[in-house]
Amino acid sequence: WLAALDPDTDAPVGFVALGSFGEPATATIVHIGVVPEARGRGVVHGLLAAANRAARDRGFTRILSDADTENRPMLEAMERAGHRRGHERGRQRGRADPGRAPGAAHGRRRTRGR
């Protein structure tokens, strides 16, 4: 788990959790969330960047991300962070190279649907 803290109060305003499920060298963003009052302030982008750095630091070469296709704000945030959509049973799925993730030198993520 990685947490985002409010810079003024140090209160937690978001989190992201990474996991690994047997796919070689692939991390998965298993959960990500931002409290309603902190939405729209770039917290999710910072969390995605932190997750990519953490995955890269742990030796993962790809990241799988899932988001419910009904969660428009998260889909849009992931697209702003460089994800491209691929659909599978009501979920958005994409693979990313953590070396080209937000916060990395090129700031771009390569993804592949399904």
PDB file of N, CA and C in Angstrom:
ATOM      1  N   TRP A   1       0.835  -1.181   0.000  1.00  0.00           N
ATOM      2  CA  TRP A   1       0.000   0.000   0.000  1.00  0.00           C
ATOM      3  C   TRP A   1       0.874   1.237   0.000  1.00  0.00           C
ATOM      4  N   LEU A   2       0.470   2.205  -0.806  1.00  0.00           N
ATOM      5  CA  LEU A   2       1.111   3.519  -0.797  1.00  0.00           C
ATOM      6  C   LEU A   2       0.012   4.535  -0.523  1.00  0.00           C
ATOM      7  N   ALA A   3       0.294   5.503   0.320  1.00  0.00           N
ATOM      8  CA  ALA A   3      -0.702   6.489   0.705  1.00  0.00           C
ATOM      9  C   ALA A   3      -0.331   7.866   0.177  1.00  0.00           C
ATOM     10  N   ALA A   4      -1.358   8.646  -0.121  1.00  0.00           N
ATOM     11  CA  ALA A   4      -1.198  10.062  -0.451  1.00  0.00           C
ATOM     12  C   ALA A   4      -1.712  10.848   0.752  1.00  0.00           C
ATOM     13  N   LEU A   5      -0.928  11.826   1.182  1.00  0.00           N
ATOM     14  CA  LEU A   5      -1.297  12.637   2.339  1.00  0.00           C
ATOM     15  C   LEU A   5      -1.562  14.075   1.919  1.00  0.00           C
ATOM     16  N   ASP A   6      -2.523  14.701   2.571  1.00  0.00           N
ATOM     17  CA  ASP A   6      -2.799  16.113   2.329  1.00  0.00           C
ATOM     18  C   ASP A   6      -1.581  16.909   2.784  1.00  0.00           C
ATOM     19  N   PRO A   7      -1.039  17.786   1.936  1.00  0.00           N
ATOM     20  CA  PRO A   7       0.177  18.508   2.310  1.00  0.00           C
ATOM     21  C   PRO A   7      -0.004  19.476   3.479  1.00  0.00           C
ATOM     22  N   ASP A   8      -1.233  19.915   3.734  1.00  0.00           N
ATOM     23  CA  ASP A   8      -1.469  20.857   4.831  1.00  0.00           C
ATOM     24  C   ASP A   8      -1.738  20.171   6.170  1.00  0.00           C
ATOM     25  N   THR A   9      -2.412  19.019   6.118  1.00  0.00           N
ATOM     26  CA  THR A   9      -2.846  18.384   7.366  1.00  0.00           C
ATOM     27  C   THR A   9      -2.211  17.017   7.624  1.00  0.00           C
ATOM     28  N   ASP A  10      -1.528  16.467   6.632  1.00  0.00           N
ATOM     29  CA  ASP A  10      -0.977  15.108   6.693  1.00  0.00           C
ATOM     30  C   ASP A  10      -2.055  14.033   6.827  1.00  0.00           C
ATOM     31  N   ALA A  11      -3.305  14.402   6.610  1.00  0.00           N
ATOM     32  CA  ALA A  11      -4.386  13.415   6.633  1.00  0.00           C
ATOM     33  C   ALA A  11      -4.324  12.580   5.357  1.00  0.00           C
ATOM     34  N   PRO A  12      -4.601  11.286   5.439  1.00  0.00           N
ATOM     35  CA  PRO A  12      -4.614  10.465   4.225  1.00  0.00           C
ATOM     36  C   PRO A  12      -5.752  10.895   3.303  1.00  0.00           C
ATOM     37  N   VAL A  13      -5.429  11.032   2.011  1.00  0.00           N
ATOM     38  CA  VAL A  13      -6.439  11.422   1.032  1.00  0.00           C
ATOM     39  C   VAL A  13      -6.565  10.417  -0.105  1.00  0.00           C
ATOM     40  N   GLY A  14      -5.683   9.425  -0.146  1.00  0.00           N
ATOM     41  CA  GLY A  14      -5.769   8.413  -1.194  1.00  0.00           C
ATOM     42  C   GLY A  14      -4.779   7.300  -0.946  1.00  0.00           C
ATOM     43  N   PHE A  15      -4.950   6.219  -1.696  1.00  0.00           N
ATOM     44  CA  PHE A  15      -4.040   5.088  -1.575  1.00  0.00           C
ATOM     45  C   PHE A  15      -4.053   4.290  -2.868  1.00  0.00           C
ATOM     46  N   VAL A  16      -3.009   3.502  -3.048  1.00  0.00           N
ATOM     47  CA  VAL A  16      -2.928   2.555  -4.154  1.00  0.00           C
ATOM     48  C   VAL A  16      -2.265   1.296  -3.610  1.00  0.00           C
ATOM     49  N   ALA A  17      -2.751   0.157  -4.068  1.00  0.00           N
ATOM     50  CA  ALA A  17      -2.184  -1.127  -3.653  1.00  0.00           C
ATOM     51  C   ALA A  17      -1.729  -1.896  -4.886  1.00  0.00           C
ATOM     52  N   LEU A  18      -0.532  -2.444  -4.798  1.00  0.00           N
ATOM     53  CA  LEU A  18       0.028  -3.279  -5.863  1.00  0.00           C
ATOM     54  C   LEU A  18       0.046  -4.727  -5.406  1.00  0.00           C
ATOM     55  N   GLY A  19      -0.134  -5.633  -6.360  1.00  0.00           N
ATOM     56  CA  GLY A  19      -0.025  -7.051  -6.069  1.00  0.00           C
ATOM     57  C   GLY A  19       0.624  -7.749  -7.246  1.00  0.00           C
ATOM     58  N   SER A  20       0.843  -9.027  -7.096  1.00  0.00           N
ATOM     59  CA  SER A  20       1.394  -9.850  -8.155  1.00  0.00           C
ATOM     60  C   SER A  20       0.641 -11.169  -8.136  1.00  0.00           C
ATOM     61  N   PHE A  21       0.179 -11.615  -9.289  1.00  0.00           N
ATOM     62  CA  PHE A  21      -0.695 -12.776  -9.336  1.00  0.00           C
ATOM     63  C   PHE A  21      -0.198 -13.861 -10.280  1.00  0.00           C
ATOM     64  N   GLY A  22       1.093 -14.112 -10.255  1.00  0.00           N
ATOM     65  CA  GLY A  22       1.638 -15.237 -10.996  1.00  0.00           C
ATOM     66  C   GLY A  22       2.023 -14.960 -12.431  1.00  0.00           C
ATOM     67  N   GLU A  23       1.724 -13.785 -12.938  1.00  0.00           N
ATOM     68  CA  GLU A  23       2.155 -13.437 -14.288  1.00  0.00           C
ATOM     69  C   GLU A  23       3.584 -12.920 -14.171  1.00  0.00           C
ATOM     70  N   PRO A  24       4.542 -13.560 -14.815  1.00  0.00           N
ATOM     71  CA  PRO A  24       5.950 -13.195 -14.627  1.00  0.00           C
ATOM     72  C   PRO A  24       6.226 -11.708 -14.860  1.00  0.00           C
ATOM     73  N   ALA A  25       6.955 -11.114 -13.931  1.00  0.00           N
ATOM     74  CA  ALA A  25       7.433  -9.730 -13.999  1.00  0.00           C
ATOM     75  C   ALA A  25       6.314  -8.703 -14.108  1.00  0.00           C
ATOM     76  N   THR A  26       5.081  -9.079 -13.731  1.00  0.00           N
ATOM     77  CA  THR A  26       3.939  -8.185 -13.881  1.00  0.00           C
ATOM     78  C   THR A  26       3.316  -7.869 -12.526  1.00  0.00           C
ATOM     79  N   ALA A  27       3.254  -6.590 -12.207  1.00  0.00           N
ATOM     80  CA  ALA A  27       2.547  -6.124 -11.015  1.00  0.00           C
ATOM     81  C   ALA A  27       1.126  -5.767 -11.436  1.00  0.00           C
ATOM     82  N   THR A  28       0.225  -5.743 -10.476  1.00  0.00           N
ATOM     83  CA  THR A  28      -1.155  -5.360 -10.750  1.00  0.00           C
ATOM     84  C   THR A  28      -1.568  -4.278  -9.759  1.00  0.00           C
ATOM     85  N   ILE A  29      -2.147  -3.211 -10.278  1.00  0.00           N
ATOM     86  CA  ILE A  29      -2.778  -2.215  -9.413  1.00  0.00           C
ATOM     87  C   ILE A  29      -4.102  -2.841  -9.010  1.00  0.00           C
ATOM     88  N   VAL A  30      -4.170  -3.308  -7.759  1.00  0.00           N
ATOM     89  CA  VAL A  30      -5.344  -4.041  -7.307  1.00  0.00           C
ATOM     90  C   VAL A  30      -6.414  -3.133  -6.715  1.00  0.00           C
ATOM     91  N   HIS A  31      -6.005  -1.969  -6.253  1.00  0.00           N
ATOM     92  CA  HIS A  31      -6.988  -1.020  -5.735  1.00  0.00           C
ATOM     93  C   HIS A  31      -6.356   0.366  -5.701  1.00  0.00           C
ATOM     94  N   ILE A  32      -7.180   1.349  -6.019  1.00  0.00           N
ATOM     95  CA  ILE A  32      -6.731   2.741  -5.944  1.00  0.00           C
ATOM     96  C   ILE A  32      -7.954   3.570  -5.583  1.00  0.00           C
ATOM     97  N   GLY A  33      -7.775   4.535  -4.720  1.00  0.00           N
ATOM     98  CA  GLY A  33      -8.902   5.367  -4.319  1.00  0.00           C
ATOM     99  C   GLY A  33      -8.451   6.705  -3.774  1.00  0.00           C
ATOM    100  N   VAL A  34      -9.323   7.688  -3.929  1.00  0.00           N
ATOM    101  CA  VAL A  34      -9.085   9.043  -3.433  1.00  0.00           C
ATOM    102  C   VAL A  34     -10.360   9.496  -2.725  1.00  0.00           C
ATOM    103  N   VAL A  35     -10.222  10.086  -1.550  1.00  0.00           N
ATOM    104  CA  VAL A  35     -11.404  10.562  -0.829  1.00  0.00           C
ATOM    105  C   VAL A  35     -12.090  11.654  -1.656  1.00  0.00           C
ATOM    106  N   PRO A  36     -13.417  11.713  -1.586  1.00  0.00           N
ATOM    107  CA  PRO A  36     -14.161  12.652  -2.441  1.00  0.00           C
ATOM    108  C   PRO A  36     -13.675  14.102  -2.372  1.00  0.00           C
ATOM    109  N   GLU A  37     -13.353  14.583  -1.180  1.00  0.00           N
ATOM    110  CA  GLU A  37     -12.959  15.994  -1.068  1.00  0.00           C
ATOM    111  C   GLU A  37     -11.590  16.287  -1.680  1.00  0.00           C
ATOM    112  N   ALA A  38     -10.808  15.268  -1.995  1.00  0.00           N
ATOM    113  CA  ALA A  38      -9.494  15.478  -2.614  1.00  0.00           C
ATOM    114  C   ALA A  38      -9.496  15.214  -4.119  1.00  0.00           C
ATOM    115  N   ARG A  39     -10.610  14.788  -4.654  1.00  0.00           N
ATOM    116  CA  ARG A  39     -10.677  14.491  -6.082  1.00  0.00           C
ATOM    117  C   ARG A  39     -10.562  15.775  -6.898  1.00  0.00           C
ATOM    118  N   GLY A  40      -9.954  15.625  -8.066  1.00  0.00           N
ATOM    119  CA  GLY A  40      -9.766  16.781  -8.934  1.00  0.00           C
ATOM    120  C   GLY A  40      -8.525  17.594  -8.610  1.00  0.00           C
ATOM    121  N   ARG A  41      -7.694  17.124  -7.693  1.00  0.00           N
ATOM    122  CA  ARG A  41      -6.482  17.851  -7.294  1.00  0.00           C
ATOM    123  C   ARG A  41      -5.209  17.140  -7.728  1.00  0.00           C
ATOM    124  N   GLY A  42      -5.319  16.130  -8.599  1.00  0.00           N
ATOM    125  CA  GLY A  42      -4.137  15.442  -9.101  1.00  0.00           C
ATOM    126  C   GLY A  42      -3.624  14.323  -8.210  1.00  0.00           C
ATOM    127  N   VAL A  43      -4.371  13.981  -7.175  1.00  0.00           N
ATOM    128  CA  VAL A  43      -3.925  12.939  -6.248  1.00  0.00           C
ATOM    129  C   VAL A  43      -3.774  11.608  -6.966  1.00  0.00           C
ATOM    130  N   VAL A  44      -4.746  11.235  -7.797  1.00  0.00           N
ATOM    131  CA  VAL A  44      -4.691   9.930  -8.467  1.00  0.00           C
ATOM    132  C   VAL A  44      -3.493   9.847  -9.412  1.00  0.00           C
ATOM    133  N   HIS A  45      -3.149  10.944 -10.062  1.00  0.00           N
ATOM    134  CA  HIS A  45      -1.989  10.930 -10.955  1.00  0.00           C
ATOM    135  C   HIS A  45      -0.710  10.674 -10.144  1.00  0.00           C
ATOM    136  N   GLY A  46      -0.602  11.315  -8.995  1.00  0.00           N
ATOM    137  CA  GLY A  46       0.551  11.078  -8.134  1.00  0.00           C
ATOM    138  C   GLY A  46       0.602   9.646  -7.627  1.00  0.00           C
ATOM    139  N   LEU A  47      -0.565   9.074  -7.314  1.00  0.00           N
ATOM    140  CA  LEU A  47      -0.614   7.687  -6.864  1.00  0.00           C
ATOM    141  C   LEU A  47      -0.194   6.726  -7.972  1.00  0.00           C
ATOM    142  N   LEU A  48      -0.666   6.972  -9.205  1.00  0.00           N
ATOM    143  CA  LEU A  48      -0.264   6.121 -10.326  1.00  0.00           C
ATOM    144  C   LEU A  48       1.244   6.206 -10.561  1.00  0.00           C
ATOM    145  N   ALA A  49       1.790   7.416 -10.474  1.00  0.00           N
ATOM    146  CA  ALA A  49       3.239   7.582 -10.645  1.00  0.00           C
ATOM    147  C   ALA A  49       4.002   6.845  -9.544  1.00  0.00           C
ATOM    148  N   ALA A  50       3.518   6.953  -8.307  1.00  0.00           N
ATOM    149  CA  ALA A  50       4.176   6.267  -7.186  1.00  0.00           C
ATOM    150  C   ALA A  50       4.093   4.753  -7.346  1.00  0.00           C
ATOM    151  N   ALA A  51       2.957   4.255  -7.807  1.00  0.00           N
ATOM    152  CA  ALA A  51       2.809   2.807  -8.022  1.00  0.00           C
ATOM    153  C   ALA A  51       3.777   2.318  -9.084  1.00  0.00           C
ATOM    154  N   ASN A  52       3.945   3.097 -10.132  1.00  0.00           N
ATOM    155  CA  ASN A  52       4.874   2.702 -11.191  1.00  0.00           C
ATOM    156  C   ASN A  52       6.317   2.701 -10.698  1.00  0.00           C
ATOM    157  N   ARG A  53       6.673   3.707  -9.917  1.00  0.00           N
ATOM    158  CA  ARG A  53       8.029   3.731  -9.356  1.00  0.00           C
ATOM    159  C   ARG A  53       8.252   2.533  -8.431  1.00  0.00           C
ATOM    160  N   ALA A  54       7.253   2.244  -7.588  1.00  0.00           N
ATOM    161  CA  ALA A  54       7.377   1.116  -6.663  1.00  0.00           C
ATOM    162  C   ALA A  54       7.503  -0.196  -7.430  1.00  0.00           C
ATOM    163  N   ALA A  55       6.729  -0.364  -8.480  1.00  0.00           N
ATOM    164  CA  ALA A  55       6.815  -1.594  -9.287  1.00  0.00           C
ATOM    165  C   ALA A  55       8.189  -1.711  -9.929  1.00  0.00           C
ATOM    166  N   ARG A  56       8.659  -0.627 -10.504  1.00  0.00           N
ATOM    167  CA  ARG A  56       9.981  -0.627 -11.144  1.00  0.00           C
ATOM    168  C   ARG A  56      11.069  -0.942 -10.117  1.00  0.00           C
ATOM    169  N   ASP A  57      10.986  -0.319  -8.933  1.00  0.00           N
ATOM    170  CA  ASP A  57      11.984  -0.546  -7.880  1.00  0.00           C
ATOM    171  C   ASP A  57      12.000  -1.998  -7.399  1.00  0.00           C
ATOM    172  N   ARG A  58      10.881  -2.690  -7.533  1.00  0.00           N
ATOM    173  CA  ARG A  58      10.784  -4.092  -7.107  1.00  0.00           C
ATOM    174  C   ARG A  58      11.074  -5.073  -8.249  1.00  0.00           C
ATOM    175  N   GLY A  59      11.481  -4.541  -9.402  1.00  0.00           N
ATOM    176  CA  GLY A  59      11.890  -5.399 -10.507  1.00  0.00           C
ATOM    177  C   GLY A  59      10.800  -5.795 -11.482  1.00  0.00           C
ATOM    178  N   PHE A  60       9.592  -5.274 -11.324  1.00  0.00           N
ATOM    179  CA  PHE A  60       8.543  -5.579 -12.286  1.00  0.00           C
ATOM    180  C   PHE A  60       8.810  -4.816 -13.582  1.00  0.00           C
ATOM    181  N   THR A  61       8.498  -5.421 -14.705  1.00  0.00           N
ATOM    182  CA  THR A  61       8.699  -4.765 -15.999  1.00  0.00           C
ATOM    183  C   THR A  61       7.388  -4.357 -16.653  1.00  0.00           C
ATOM    184  N   ARG A  62       6.265  -4.819 -16.095  1.00  0.00           N
ATOM    185  CA  ARG A  62       4.955  -4.439 -16.621  1.00  0.00           C
ATOM    186  C   ARG A  62       3.983  -4.248 -15.462  1.00  0.00           C
ATOM    187  N   ILE A  63       2.957  -3.454 -15.731  1.00  0.00           N
ATOM    188  CA  ILE A  63       1.892  -3.258 -14.745  1.00  0.00           C
ATOM    189  C   ILE A  63       0.557  -3.491 -15.429  1.00  0.00           C
ATOM    190  N   LEU A  64      -0.275  -4.274 -14.789  1.00  0.00           N
ATOM    191  CA  LEU A  64      -1.643  -4.487 -15.230  1.00  0.00           C
ATOM    192  C   LEU A  64      -2.524  -3.600 -14.374  1.00  0.00           C
ATOM    193  N   SER A  65      -3.418  -2.884 -14.996  1.00  0.00           N
ATOM    194  CA  SER A  65      -4.352  -2.067 -14.227  1.00  0.00           C
ATOM    195  C   SER A  65      -5.764  -2.442 -14.638  1.00  0.00           C
ATOM    196  N   ASP A  66      -6.626  -2.517 -13.673  1.00  0.00           N
ATOM    197  CA  ASP A  66      -8.040  -2.806 -13.896  1.00  0.00           C
ATOM    198  C   ASP A  66      -8.857  -1.653 -13.341  1.00  0.00           C
ATOM    199  N   ALA A  67      -9.880  -1.294 -14.076  1.00  0.00           N
ATOM    200  CA  ALA A  67     -10.821  -0.298 -13.567  1.00  0.00           C
ATOM    201  C   ALA A  67     -12.202  -0.667 -14.080  1.00  0.00           C
ATOM    202  N   ASP A  68     -13.187  -0.488 -13.245  1.00  0.00           N
ATOM    203  CA  ASP A  68     -14.568  -0.731 -13.635  1.00  0.00           C
ATOM    204  C   ASP A  68     -14.930   0.242 -14.750  1.00  0.00           C
ATOM    205  N   THR A  69     -15.507  -0.254 -15.834  1.00  0.00           N
ATOM    206  CA  THR A  69     -15.838   0.614 -16.968  1.00  0.00           C
ATOM    207  C   THR A  69     -16.933   1.613 -16.632  1.00  0.00           C
ATOM    208  N   GLU A  70     -17.605   1.442 -15.504  1.00  0.00           N
ATOM    209  CA  GLU A  70     -18.612   2.415 -15.065  1.00  0.00           C
ATOM    210  C   GLU A  70     -17.991   3.558 -14.262  1.00  0.00           C
ATOM    211  N   ASN A  71     -16.743   3.428 -13.872  1.00  0.00           N
ATOM    212  CA  ASN A  71     -16.072   4.444 -13.059  1.00  0.00           C
ATOM    213  C   ASN A  71     -15.383   5.446 -13.980  1.00  0.00           C
ATOM    214  N   ARG A  72     -16.176   6.339 -14.553  1.00  0.00           N
ATOM    215  CA  ARG A  72     -15.671   7.311 -15.530  1.00  0.00           C
ATOM    216  C   ARG A  72     -14.514   8.155 -15.010  1.00  0.00           C
ATOM    217  N   PRO A  73     -14.605   8.709 -13.795  1.00  0.00           N
ATOM    218  CA  PRO A  73     -13.485   9.533 -13.326  1.00  0.00           C
ATOM    219  C   PRO A  73     -12.159   8.766 -13.281  1.00  0.00           C
ATOM    220  N   MET A  74     -12.188   7.496 -12.848  1.00  0.00           N
ATOM    221  CA  MET A  74     -10.948   6.728 -12.791  1.00  0.00           C
ATOM    222  C   MET A  74     -10.452   6.403 -14.196  1.00  0.00           C
ATOM    223  N   LEU A  75     -11.359   6.049 -15.104  1.00  0.00           N
ATOM    224  CA  LEU A  75     -10.952   5.774 -16.483  1.00  0.00           C
ATOM    225  C   LEU A  75     -10.273   6.995 -17.093  1.00  0.00           C
ATOM    226  N   GLU A  76     -10.863   8.161 -16.872  1.00  0.00           N
ATOM    227  CA  GLU A  76     -10.282   9.390 -17.411  1.00  0.00           C
ATOM    228  C   GLU A  76      -8.932   9.686 -16.771  1.00  0.00           C
ATOM    229  N   ALA A  77      -8.816   9.461 -15.475  1.00  0.00           N
ATOM    230  CA  ALA A  77      -7.534   9.682 -14.787  1.00  0.00           C
ATOM    231  C   ALA A  77      -6.467   8.739 -15.328  1.00  0.00           C
ATOM    232  N   MET A  78      -6.839   7.476 -15.541  1.00  0.00           N
ATOM    233  CA  MET A  78      -5.873   6.522 -16.082  1.00  0.00           C
ATOM    234  C   MET A  78      -5.462   6.901 -17.499  1.00  0.00           C
ATOM    235  N   GLU A  79      -6.406   7.374 -18.294  1.00  0.00           N
ATOM    236  CA  GLU A  79      -6.054   7.813 -19.644  1.00  0.00           C
ATOM    237  C   GLU A  79      -5.116   9.021 -19.594  1.00  0.00           C
ATOM    238  N   ARG A  80      -5.379   9.968 -18.692  1.00  0.00           N
ATOM    239  CA  ARG A  80      -4.479  11.120 -18.559  1.00  0.00           C
ATOM    240  C   ARG A  80      -3.085  10.680 -18.138  1.00  0.00           C
ATOM    241  N   ALA A  81      -3.010   9.563 -17.399  1.00  0.00           N
ATOM    242  CA  ALA A  81      -1.722   9.037 -16.943  1.00  0.00           C
ATOM    243  C   ALA A  81      -1.045   8.171 -18.010  1.00  0.00           C
ATOM    244  N   GLY A  82      -1.677   8.026 -19.175  1.00  0.00           N
ATOM    245  CA  GLY A  82      -1.051   7.311 -20.273  1.00  0.00           C
ATOM    246  C   GLY A  82      -1.612   5.945 -20.590  1.00  0.00           C
ATOM    247  N   HIS A  83      -2.631   5.508 -19.885  1.00  0.00           N
ATOM    248  CA  HIS A  83      -3.247   4.222 -20.189  1.00  0.00           C
ATOM    249  C   HIS A  83      -4.098   4.351 -21.451  1.00  0.00           C
ATOM    250  N   ARG A  84      -4.171   3.283 -22.191  1.00  0.00           N
ATOM    251  CA  ARG A  84      -5.113   3.188 -23.294  1.00  0.00           C
ATOM    252  C   ARG A  84      -6.088   2.083 -22.956  1.00  0.00           C
ATOM    253  N   ARG A  85      -7.314   2.251 -23.390  1.00  0.00           N
ATOM    254  CA  ARG A  85      -8.353   1.296 -23.019  1.00  0.00           C
ATOM    255  C   ARG A  85      -8.296   0.001 -23.799  1.00  0.00           C
ATOM    256  N   GLY A  86      -8.581  -1.067 -23.097  1.00  0.00           N
ATOM    257  CA  GLY A  86      -8.850  -2.376 -23.650  1.00  0.00           C
ATOM    258  C   GLY A  86      -9.925  -2.959 -22.766  1.00  0.00           C
ATOM    259  N   HIS A  87     -10.921  -3.595 -23.329  1.00  0.00           N
ATOM    260  CA  HIS A  87     -12.048  -4.045 -22.507  1.00  0.00           C
ATOM    261  C   HIS A  87     -12.106  -5.559 -22.394  1.00  0.00           C
ATOM    262  N   GLU A  88     -12.500  -6.011 -21.230  1.00  0.00           N
ATOM    263  CA  GLU A  88     -12.727  -7.428 -20.998  1.00  0.00           C
ATOM    264  C   GLU A  88     -13.769  -7.564 -19.897  1.00  0.00           C
ATOM    265  N   ARG A  89     -14.921  -8.042 -20.241  1.00  0.00           N
ATOM    266  CA  ARG A  89     -15.995  -8.292 -19.266  1.00  0.00           C
ATOM    267  C   ARG A  89     -16.257  -7.130 -18.325  1.00  0.00           C
ATOM    268  N   GLY A  90     -16.454  -5.945 -18.880  1.00  0.00           N
ATOM    269  CA  GLY A  90     -16.822  -4.805 -18.059  1.00  0.00           C
ATOM    270  C   GLY A  90     -15.680  -4.176 -17.284  1.00  0.00           C
ATOM    271  N   ARG A  91     -14.452  -4.538 -17.618  1.00  0.00           N
ATOM    272  CA  ARG A  91     -13.299  -3.961 -16.934  1.00  0.00           C
ATOM    273  C   ARG A  91     -12.366  -3.372 -17.968  1.00  0.00           C
ATOM    274  N   GLN A  92     -11.693  -2.304 -17.609  1.00  0.00           N
ATOM    275  CA  GLN A  92     -10.621  -1.773 -18.448  1.00  0.00           C
ATOM    276  C   GLN A  92      -9.349  -2.468 -18.020  1.00  0.00           C
ATOM    277  N   ARG A  93      -8.596  -2.967 -18.985  1.00  0.00           N
ATOM    278  CA  ARG A  93      -7.330  -3.607 -18.649  1.00  0.00           C
ATOM    279  C   ARG A  93      -6.256  -3.026 -19.541  1.00  0.00           C
ATOM    280  N   GLY A  94      -5.104  -2.821 -18.999  1.00  0.00           N
ATOM    281  CA  GLY A  94      -3.986  -2.364 -19.800  1.00  0.00           C
ATOM    282  C   GLY A  94      -2.683  -2.750 -19.146  1.00  0.00           C
ATOM    283  N   ARG A  95      -1.693  -2.997 -19.957  1.00  0.00           N
ATOM    284  CA  ARG A  95      -0.366  -3.290 -19.427  1.00  0.00           C
ATOM    285  C   ARG A  95       0.491  -2.054 -19.641  1.00  0.00           C
ATOM    286  N   ALA A  96       1.366  -1.822 -18.716  1.00  0.00           N
ATOM    287  CA  ALA A  96       2.231  -0.652 -18.810  1.00  0.00           C
ATOM    288  C   ALA A  96       3.659  -1.041 -18.479  1.00  0.00           C
ATOM    289  N   ASP A  97       4.568  -0.353 -19.090  1.00  0.00           N
ATOM    290  CA  ASP A  97       5.995  -0.493 -18.810  1.00  0.00           C
ATOM    291  C   ASP A  97       6.327   0.529 -17.733  1.00  0.00           C
ATOM    292  N   PRO A  98       6.665   0.119 -16.490  1.00  0.00           N
ATOM    293  CA  PRO A  98       6.921   1.094 -15.438  1.00  0.00           C
ATOM    294  C   PRO A  98       8.073   2.031 -15.744  1.00  0.00           C
ATOM    295  N   GLY A  99       8.952   1.652 -16.640  1.00  0.00           N
ATOM    296  CA  GLY A  99      10.053   2.535 -17.014  1.00  0.00           C
ATOM    297  C   GLY A  99       9.609   3.715 -17.847  1.00  0.00           C
ATOM    298  N   ARG A 100       8.431   3.640 -18.408  1.00  0.00           N
ATOM    299  CA  ARG A 100       7.895   4.736 -19.211  1.00  0.00           C
ATOM    300  C   ARG A 100       6.620   5.291 -18.583  1.00  0.00           C
ATOM    301  N   ALA A 101       6.489   5.087 -17.299  1.00  0.00           N
ATOM    302  CA  ALA A 101       5.287   5.473 -16.582  1.00  0.00           C
ATOM    303  C   ALA A 101       5.359   6.936 -16.154  1.00  0.00           C
ATOM    304  N   PRO A 102       4.211   7.481 -15.706  1.00  0.00           N
ATOM    305  CA  PRO A 102       4.252   8.838 -15.177  1.00  0.00           C
ATOM    306  C   PRO A 102       5.333   8.945 -14.111  1.00  0.00           C
ATOM    307  N   GLY A 103       6.092   9.995 -14.156  1.00  0.00           N
ATOM    308  CA  GLY A 103       7.182  10.176 -13.216  1.00  0.00           C
ATOM    309  C   GLY A 103       8.495   9.616 -13.740  1.00  0.00           C
ATOM    310  N   ALA A 104       8.449   8.866 -14.843  1.00  0.00           N
ATOM    311  CA  ALA A 104       9.666   8.338 -15.456  1.00  0.00           C
ATOM    312  C   ALA A 104      10.185   9.347 -16.474  1.00  0.00           C
ATOM    313  N   ALA A 105      11.362   9.085 -17.001  1.00  0.00           N
ATOM    314  CA  ALA A 105      12.022  10.047 -17.870  1.00  0.00           C
ATOM    315  C   ALA A 105      11.171  10.466 -19.064  1.00  0.00           C
ATOM    316  N   HIS A 106      10.480   9.526 -19.692  1.00  0.00           N
ATOM    317  CA  HIS A 106       9.713   9.863 -20.889  1.00  0.00           C
ATOM    318  C   HIS A 106       8.262  10.222 -20.585  1.00  0.00           C
ATOM    319  N   GLY A 107       7.791   9.912 -19.386  1.00  0.00           N
ATOM    320  CA  GLY A 107       6.440  10.274 -18.984  1.00  0.00           C
ATOM    321  C   GLY A 107       5.347   9.649 -19.828  1.00  0.00           C
ATOM    322  N   ARG A 108       5.625   8.527 -20.465  1.00  0.00           N
ATOM    323  CA  ARG A 108       4.634   7.890 -21.323  1.00  0.00           C
ATOM    324  C   ARG A 108       4.535   6.422 -20.968  1.00  0.00           C
ATOM    325  N   ARG A 109       3.336   5.881 -21.039  1.00  0.00           N
ATOM    326  CA  ARG A 109       3.148   4.470 -20.731  1.00  0.00           C
ATOM    327  C   ARG A 109       2.684   3.747 -21.964  1.00  0.00           C
ATOM    328  N   ARG A 110       3.303   2.635 -22.239  1.00  0.00           N
ATOM    329  CA  ARG A 110       2.844   1.764 -23.311  1.00  0.00           C
ATOM    330  C   ARG A 110       1.902   0.758 -22.680  1.00  0.00           C
ATOM    331  N   THR A 111       0.749   0.587 -23.280  1.00  0.00           N
ATOM    332  CA  THR A 111      -0.190  -0.373 -22.742  1.00  0.00           C
ATOM    333  C   THR A 111      -0.713  -1.253 -23.867  1.00  0.00           C
ATOM    334  N   ARG A 112      -1.284  -2.372 -23.466  1.00  0.00           N
ATOM    335  CA  ARG A 112      -1.878  -3.282 -24.427  1.00  0.00           C
ATOM    336  C   ARG A 112      -3.162  -3.779 -23.799  1.00  0.00           C
ATOM    337  N   GLY A 113      -4.234  -3.727 -24.548  1.00  0.00           N
ATOM    338  CA  GLY A 113      -5.514  -4.160 -24.017  1.00  0.00           C
ATOM    339  C   GLY A 113      -5.595  -5.669 -23.906  1.00  0.00           C
ATOM    340  N   ARG A 114      -6.594  -6.118 -23.159  1.00  0.00           N
ATOM    341  CA  ARG A 114      -6.889  -7.531 -22.913  1.00  0.00           C
ATOM    342  C   ARG A 114      -5.837  -8.094 -22.100  1.00  0.00           C
TER     343      ARG A 114
END
